[in-house]
Amino acid sequence: MKSLTLEYRLDTMSTVEIKTELQQMIEREKDMSILEAIRTILQKTSLNPMLKEKLTERALRSEKDITEGRLLSKEQVQQRTERK
């Protein structure tokens, strides 16, 4: 439910509002690892628009899999990782 609320909120916010909120959040953030992660995300997506598109497609596909019940059990995930 949290992601639906966030998606709805982002859909209703303007670009300026989102940028303003992000700036305020970044200004308050004290954790250097979070700030570095944000910088990395912004650098990579601005340098490679294909990456942004691929990640968005993957996220949407994952959301669809979840809503349609296509999930793996813990055991299935462990089996797949052991094979690699």
C-alpha atoms as a PDB file:
ATOM      1  CA  MET A   1       0.000   0.000   0.000  1.00  0.00           C
ATOM      2  CA  LYS A   2       2.890   2.349   0.707  1.00  0.00           C
ATOM      3  CA  SER A   3       4.097   2.250  -2.924  1.00  0.00           C
ATOM      4  CA  LEU A   4       0.599   3.026  -4.195  1.00  0.00           C
ATOM      5  CA  THR A   5       0.432   6.069  -1.930  1.00  0.00           C
ATOM      6  CA  LEU A   6       3.856   7.220  -3.116  1.00  0.00           C
ATOM      7  CA  GLU A   7       2.960   6.643  -6.781  1.00  0.00           C
ATOM      8  CA  TYR A   8      -0.275   8.595  -6.375  1.00  0.00           C
ATOM      9  CA  ARG A   9       1.530  11.410  -4.613  1.00  0.00           C
ATOM     10  CA  LEU A  10       4.219  11.612  -7.315  1.00  0.00           C
ATOM     11  CA  ASP A  11       1.565  11.585 -10.039  1.00  0.00           C
ATOM     12  CA  THR A  12      -0.173  14.551  -8.448  1.00  0.00           C
ATOM     13  CA  MET A  13       2.999  16.565  -7.787  1.00  0.00           C
ATOM     14  CA  SER A  14       4.517  18.880 -10.360  1.00  0.00           C
ATOM     15  CA  THR A  15       8.164  18.622 -11.360  1.00  0.00           C
ATOM     16  CA  VAL A  16       8.939  21.767  -9.405  1.00  0.00           C
ATOM     17  CA  GLU A  17       7.259  20.371  -6.290  1.00  0.00           C
ATOM     18  CA  ILE A  18       9.180  17.106  -6.537  1.00  0.00           C
ATOM     19  CA  LYS A  19      12.493  18.908  -7.033  1.00  0.00           C
ATOM     20  CA  THR A  20      11.781  21.194  -4.092  1.00  0.00           C
ATOM     21  CA  GLU A  21      10.901  18.261  -1.849  1.00  0.00           C
ATOM     22  CA  LEU A  22      14.027  16.359  -2.921  1.00  0.00           C
ATOM     23  CA  GLN A  23      16.209  19.390  -2.242  1.00  0.00           C
ATOM     24  CA  GLN A  24      14.726  19.736   1.240  1.00  0.00           C
ATOM     25  CA  MET A  25      15.178  16.037   1.976  1.00  0.00           C
ATOM     26  CA  ILE A  26      18.780  16.106   0.760  1.00  0.00           C
ATOM     27  CA  GLU A  27      19.471  19.215   2.831  1.00  0.00           C
ATOM     28  CA  ARG A  28      18.262  17.445   6.001  1.00  0.00           C
ATOM     29  CA  GLU A  29      20.031  14.141   5.272  1.00  0.00           C
ATOM     30  CA  LYS A  30      23.052  13.455   7.484  1.00  0.00           C
ATOM     31  CA  ASP A  31      23.959   9.932   6.318  1.00  0.00           C
ATOM     32  CA  MET A  32      26.827  10.217   3.836  1.00  0.00           C
ATOM     33  CA  SER A  33      26.124   6.802   2.288  1.00  0.00           C
ATOM     34  CA  ILE A  34      22.570   7.875   1.406  1.00  0.00           C
ATOM     35  CA  LEU A  35      23.826  11.123  -0.113  1.00  0.00           C
ATOM     36  CA  GLU A  36      26.428   9.230  -2.148  1.00  0.00           C
ATOM     37  CA  ALA A  37      23.761   6.767  -3.322  1.00  0.00           C
ATOM     38  CA  ILE A  38      21.534   9.629  -4.453  1.00  0.00           C
ATOM     39  CA  ARG A  39      24.446  11.210  -6.318  1.00  0.00           C
ATOM     40  CA  THR A  40      25.297   7.907  -8.000  1.00  0.00           C
ATOM     41  CA  ILE A  41      21.709   7.370  -9.100  1.00  0.00           C
ATOM     42  CA  LEU A  42      21.461  10.867 -10.548  1.00  0.00           C
ATOM     43  CA  GLN A  43      24.825  10.631 -12.293  1.00  0.00           C
ATOM     44  CA  LYS A  44      24.083   7.260 -13.839  1.00  0.00           C
ATOM     45  CA  THR A  45      20.596   8.111 -15.001  1.00  0.00           C
ATOM     46  CA  SER A  46      21.636  11.452 -16.422  1.00  0.00           C
ATOM     47  CA  LEU A  47      24.599   9.891 -18.217  1.00  0.00           C
ATOM     48  CA  ASN A  48      22.714   6.869 -19.475  1.00  0.00           C
ATOM     49  CA  PRO A  49      19.023   7.308 -20.291  1.00  0.00           C
ATOM     50  CA  MET A  50      18.932   3.665 -21.431  1.00  0.00           C
ATOM     51  CA  LEU A  51      19.707   2.591 -17.851  1.00  0.00           C
ATOM     52  CA  LYS A  52      16.759   4.574 -16.549  1.00  0.00           C
ATOM     53  CA  GLU A  53      14.469   3.000 -19.142  1.00  0.00           C
ATOM     54  CA  LYS A  54      15.688  -0.535 -18.373  1.00  0.00           C
ATOM     55  CA  LEU A  55      15.309  -0.064 -14.617  1.00  0.00           C
ATOM     56  CA  THR A  56      11.826   1.390 -15.044  1.00  0.00           C
ATOM     57  CA  GLU A  57      10.754  -1.491 -17.292  1.00  0.00           C
ATOM     58  CA  ARG A  58      12.156  -4.021 -14.820  1.00  0.00           C
ATOM     59  CA  ALA A  59      10.379  -2.371 -11.901  1.00  0.00           C
ATOM     60  CA  LEU A  60       7.053  -2.272 -13.744  1.00  0.00           C
ATOM     61  CA  ARG A  61       7.431  -5.910 -14.794  1.00  0.00           C
ATOM     62  CA  SER A  62       8.190  -6.863 -11.180  1.00  0.00           C
ATOM     63  CA  GLU A  63       5.142  -4.990  -9.905  1.00  0.00           C
ATOM     64  CA  LYS A  64       2.975  -6.809 -12.453  1.00  0.00           C
ATOM     65  CA  ASP A  65       4.442 -10.179 -11.444  1.00  0.00           C
ATOM     66  CA  ILE A  66       3.660  -9.444  -7.805  1.00  0.00           C
ATOM     67  CA  THR A  67       0.065  -8.361  -8.460  1.00  0.00           C
ATOM     68  CA  GLU A  68      -0.500 -11.434 -10.651  1.00  0.00           C
ATOM     69  CA  GLY A  69       0.911 -13.760  -8.008  1.00  0.00           C
ATOM     70  CA  ARG A  70       4.054 -14.786  -9.877  1.00  0.00           C
ATOM     71  CA  LEU A  71       6.289 -15.081  -6.837  1.00  0.00           C
ATOM     72  CA  LEU A  72       9.135 -17.364  -5.806  1.00  0.00           C
ATOM     73  CA  SER A  73       9.337 -19.081  -2.455  1.00  0.00           C
ATOM     74  CA  LYS A  74      12.417 -18.697  -0.276  1.00  0.00           C
ATOM     75  CA  GLU A  75      13.453 -22.225  -1.245  1.00  0.00           C
ATOM     76  CA  GLN A  76      13.138 -21.488  -4.973  1.00  0.00           C
ATOM     77  CA  VAL A  77      15.309 -18.389  -4.623  1.00  0.00           C
ATOM     78  CA  GLN A  78      17.927 -20.365  -2.690  1.00  0.00           C
ATOM     79  CA  GLN A  79      17.966 -23.090  -5.354  1.00  0.00           C
ATOM     80  CA  ARG A  80      18.458 -20.541  -8.121  1.00  0.00           C
ATOM     81  CA  THR A  81      21.327 -18.813  -6.322  1.00  0.00           C
ATOM     82  CA  GLU A  82      23.031 -22.111  -5.522  1.00  0.00           C
ATOM     83  CA  ARG A  83      23.044 -23.065  -9.223  1.00  0.00           C
ATOM     84  CA  LYS A  84      24.971 -19.941 -10.212  1.00  0.00           C
END
